């Protein structure tokens, strides 16, 4: 009987959107990424359609943010890691070696899980945030980290996060 009570909690916990974010629709029940919303000569788009025109290199982000906590920007860079549970987040390496987590607006779309190493264009809001330990551990679990690596996460982390309304995966 306990198994049946725990099963919904385990199923619902996979790649669940953290509670601290704005209210968003419930996550879709499928684990496949949403189909591309469009194709351009540049590649496939997910979420809002966009092109690479006007995109700033990821290395320019610190200057674009300046002293602000957030800024609306269009960036181009390389996807480094993608959530292997659903494709519901990805990371991009900043020039200083830190990673910026990219989540998708209103949890409305996902990206393919195999785009690590590909050039992408993202459009949306970059934000400086303090990420709680529980969220960091959740992301580590989604990324397939070991139990020891997850348990080693004991402090919140200041990092840049990005909420994308559209992603272009270049061919």
Protein backbone atom coordinates (compact mmCIF):
# COMPACT_ATOMS: atom_id res chain seq x y z
CA UNK A 1 0.00 0.00 0.00
CA UNK A 2 2.85 2.42 0.82
CA UNK A 3 4.28 1.84 -2.65
CA UNK A 4 1.08 3.15 -4.25
CA UNK A 5 1.15 6.21 -2.02
CA UNK A 6 4.76 7.00 -2.91
CA UNK A 7 4.48 6.31 -6.64
CA UNK A 8 2.68 9.59 -7.52
CA UNK A 9 5.25 11.62 -5.58
CA UNK A 10 8.14 9.97 -7.43
CA UNK A 11 6.49 10.35 -10.84
CA UNK A 12 5.52 13.98 -10.26
CA UNK A 13 8.95 14.90 -8.90
CA UNK A 14 10.90 14.21 -12.09
CA UNK A 15 12.00 17.47 -13.65
CA UNK A 16 9.33 19.38 -11.77
CA UNK A 17 9.50 23.15 -11.94
CA UNK A 18 10.80 24.59 -8.64
CA UNK A 19 8.08 26.00 -6.39
CA UNK A 20 9.80 29.39 -6.04
CA UNK A 21 9.06 30.38 -9.63
CA UNK A 22 5.99 32.16 -10.91
CA UNK A 23 2.85 30.12 -11.29
CA UNK A 24 3.04 28.07 -14.43
CA UNK A 25 0.86 25.47 -16.06
CA UNK A 26 1.31 21.91 -14.96
CA UNK A 27 4.10 20.04 -16.69
CA UNK A 28 3.05 17.94 -19.66
CA UNK A 29 2.91 14.22 -18.96
CA UNK A 30 5.12 13.31 -21.90
CA UNK A 31 8.90 13.06 -21.62
CA UNK A 32 9.48 13.83 -25.30
CA UNK A 33 10.42 17.38 -26.25
CA UNK A 34 7.77 19.43 -27.94
CA UNK A 35 8.20 19.31 -31.69
CA UNK A 36 10.03 22.25 -33.17
CA UNK A 37 7.68 25.18 -33.62
CA UNK A 38 9.37 26.04 -36.86
CA UNK A 39 12.32 25.59 -39.12
CA UNK A 40 14.40 28.33 -40.61
CA UNK A 41 17.40 28.20 -42.90
CA UNK A 42 19.38 28.60 -39.65
CA UNK A 43 17.88 25.63 -37.79
CA UNK A 44 14.89 24.56 -35.68
CA UNK A 45 13.05 26.77 -33.21
CA UNK A 46 11.35 25.76 -29.98
CA UNK A 47 8.92 28.07 -28.21
CA UNK A 48 8.64 31.51 -29.82
CA UNK A 49 10.06 31.71 -33.35
CA UNK A 50 13.33 33.60 -33.64
CA UNK A 51 16.39 34.03 -35.83
CA UNK A 52 20.00 34.67 -34.98
CA UNK A 53 19.78 38.27 -36.21
CA UNK A 54 20.87 40.71 -33.51
CA UNK A 55 22.00 38.00 -31.08
CA UNK A 56 24.91 38.99 -28.84
CA UNK A 57 27.64 36.49 -27.97
CA UNK A 58 27.24 34.89 -24.55
CA UNK A 59 30.56 36.49 -23.54
CA UNK A 60 28.85 39.92 -23.81
CA UNK A 61 26.26 39.09 -21.12
CA UNK A 62 28.13 40.64 -18.15
CA UNK A 63 28.41 43.94 -20.04
CA UNK A 64 24.76 43.75 -21.15
CA UNK A 65 23.64 43.23 -17.54
CA UNK A 66 25.98 45.84 -16.09
CA UNK A 67 24.84 46.48 -12.51
CA UNK A 68 21.24 45.44 -13.18
CA UNK A 69 19.78 42.26 -11.71
CA UNK A 70 18.05 41.39 -14.99
CA UNK A 71 17.92 42.33 -18.66
CA UNK A 72 16.01 41.22 -21.73
CA UNK A 73 18.54 39.94 -24.27
CA UNK A 74 19.10 37.66 -27.26
CA UNK A 75 22.25 35.56 -26.94
CA UNK A 76 24.15 33.04 -29.04
CA UNK A 77 26.39 30.37 -27.56
CA UNK A 78 26.91 26.65 -27.10
CA UNK A 79 24.55 24.36 -25.17
CA UNK A 80 26.67 22.48 -22.66
CA UNK A 81 24.28 20.26 -20.71
CA UNK A 82 20.60 19.39 -21.21
CA UNK A 83 18.13 17.88 -18.74
CA UNK A 84 18.09 14.19 -19.57
CA UNK A 85 14.69 13.63 -17.96
CA UNK A 86 12.67 15.84 -20.35
CA UNK A 87 14.82 18.51 -21.99
CA UNK A 88 13.20 21.06 -19.67
CA UNK A 89 16.41 23.02 -18.99
CA UNK A 90 19.91 23.38 -20.35
CA UNK A 91 23.13 25.10 -19.39
CA UNK A 92 25.59 27.30 -21.25
CA UNK A 93 29.18 27.89 -20.11
CA UNK A 94 30.09 31.49 -19.43
CA UNK A 95 33.59 32.73 -20.35
CA UNK A 96 34.66 32.56 -16.67
CA UNK A 97 33.79 28.83 -16.55
CA UNK A 98 30.54 29.19 -14.58
CA UNK A 99 27.33 27.81 -16.03
CA UNK A 100 24.15 29.71 -16.76
CA UNK A 101 20.98 27.65 -16.44
CA UNK A 102 18.39 28.21 -19.17
CA UNK A 103 14.77 27.38 -18.35
CA UNK A 104 11.80 27.85 -20.64
CA UNK A 105 9.09 30.43 -20.09
CA UNK A 106 5.95 29.06 -18.45
CA UNK A 107 7.43 25.53 -18.81
CA UNK A 108 5.70 25.70 -22.20
CA UNK A 109 8.27 23.86 -24.32
CA UNK A 110 11.27 21.57 -24.10
CA UNK A 111 14.36 21.11 -26.26
CA UNK A 112 15.86 17.86 -27.59
CA UNK A 113 18.05 16.08 -25.05
CA UNK A 114 20.88 15.64 -27.56
CA UNK A 115 21.83 19.26 -28.32
CA UNK A 116 24.90 19.48 -26.07
CA UNK A 117 27.71 21.04 -28.07
CA UNK A 118 25.39 22.68 -30.59
CA UNK A 119 25.17 26.41 -31.24
CA UNK A 120 21.94 27.89 -29.95
CA UNK A 121 20.25 31.28 -29.88
CA UNK A 122 18.10 32.13 -26.86
CA UNK A 123 15.78 35.06 -26.38
CA UNK A 124 14.38 36.19 -23.04
CA UNK A 125 15.45 37.42 -19.61
CA UNK A 126 18.86 36.97 -17.98
CA UNK A 127 18.76 37.26 -14.17
CA UNK A 128 21.19 37.18 -11.29
CA UNK A 129 19.68 34.84 -8.69
CA UNK A 130 20.47 32.87 -5.57
CA UNK A 131 19.56 29.24 -6.27
CA UNK A 132 18.47 27.23 -3.20
CA UNK A 133 20.21 23.97 -2.28
CA UNK A 134 17.07 21.90 -3.03
CA UNK A 135 16.92 23.27 -6.59
CA UNK A 136 20.66 22.69 -7.15
CA UNK A 137 20.30 19.11 -5.94
CA UNK A 138 17.27 18.61 -8.19
CA UNK A 139 19.20 19.86 -11.24
CA UNK A 140 22.13 17.58 -10.36
CA UNK A 141 19.74 14.63 -10.17
CA UNK A 142 18.20 15.55 -13.55
CA UNK A 143 21.72 15.70 -14.99
CA UNK A 144 22.42 12.14 -13.82
CA UNK A 145 24.93 13.04 -11.10
CA UNK A 146 25.81 10.43 -8.47
CA UNK A 147 24.21 10.40 -5.02
CA UNK A 148 27.55 11.49 -3.54
CA UNK A 149 27.77 14.48 -5.92
CA UNK A 150 24.19 15.47 -5.08
CA UNK A 151 24.80 15.13 -1.33
CA UNK A 152 27.89 17.35 -1.64
CA UNK A 153 25.67 20.29 -2.63
CA UNK A 154 25.10 22.01 0.71
CA UNK A 155 25.16 25.75 -0.01
CA UNK A 156 22.93 27.98 -2.15
CA UNK A 157 24.70 29.42 -5.18
CA UNK A 158 24.66 32.85 -6.80
CA UNK A 159 24.38 32.38 -10.54
CA UNK A 160 23.05 33.77 -13.75
CA UNK A 161 19.83 32.14 -14.92
CA UNK A 162 17.94 32.68 -18.13
CA UNK A 163 14.23 32.38 -18.88
CA UNK A 164 13.91 31.80 -22.62
CA UNK A 165 10.72 32.39 -24.56
CA UNK A 166 12.34 30.88 -27.64
CA UNK A 167 15.34 28.76 -28.59
CA UNK A 168 16.90 28.35 -32.03
CA UNK A 169 19.04 25.24 -32.41
CA UNK A 170 21.38 25.91 -35.32
CA UNK A 171 22.03 23.14 -37.83
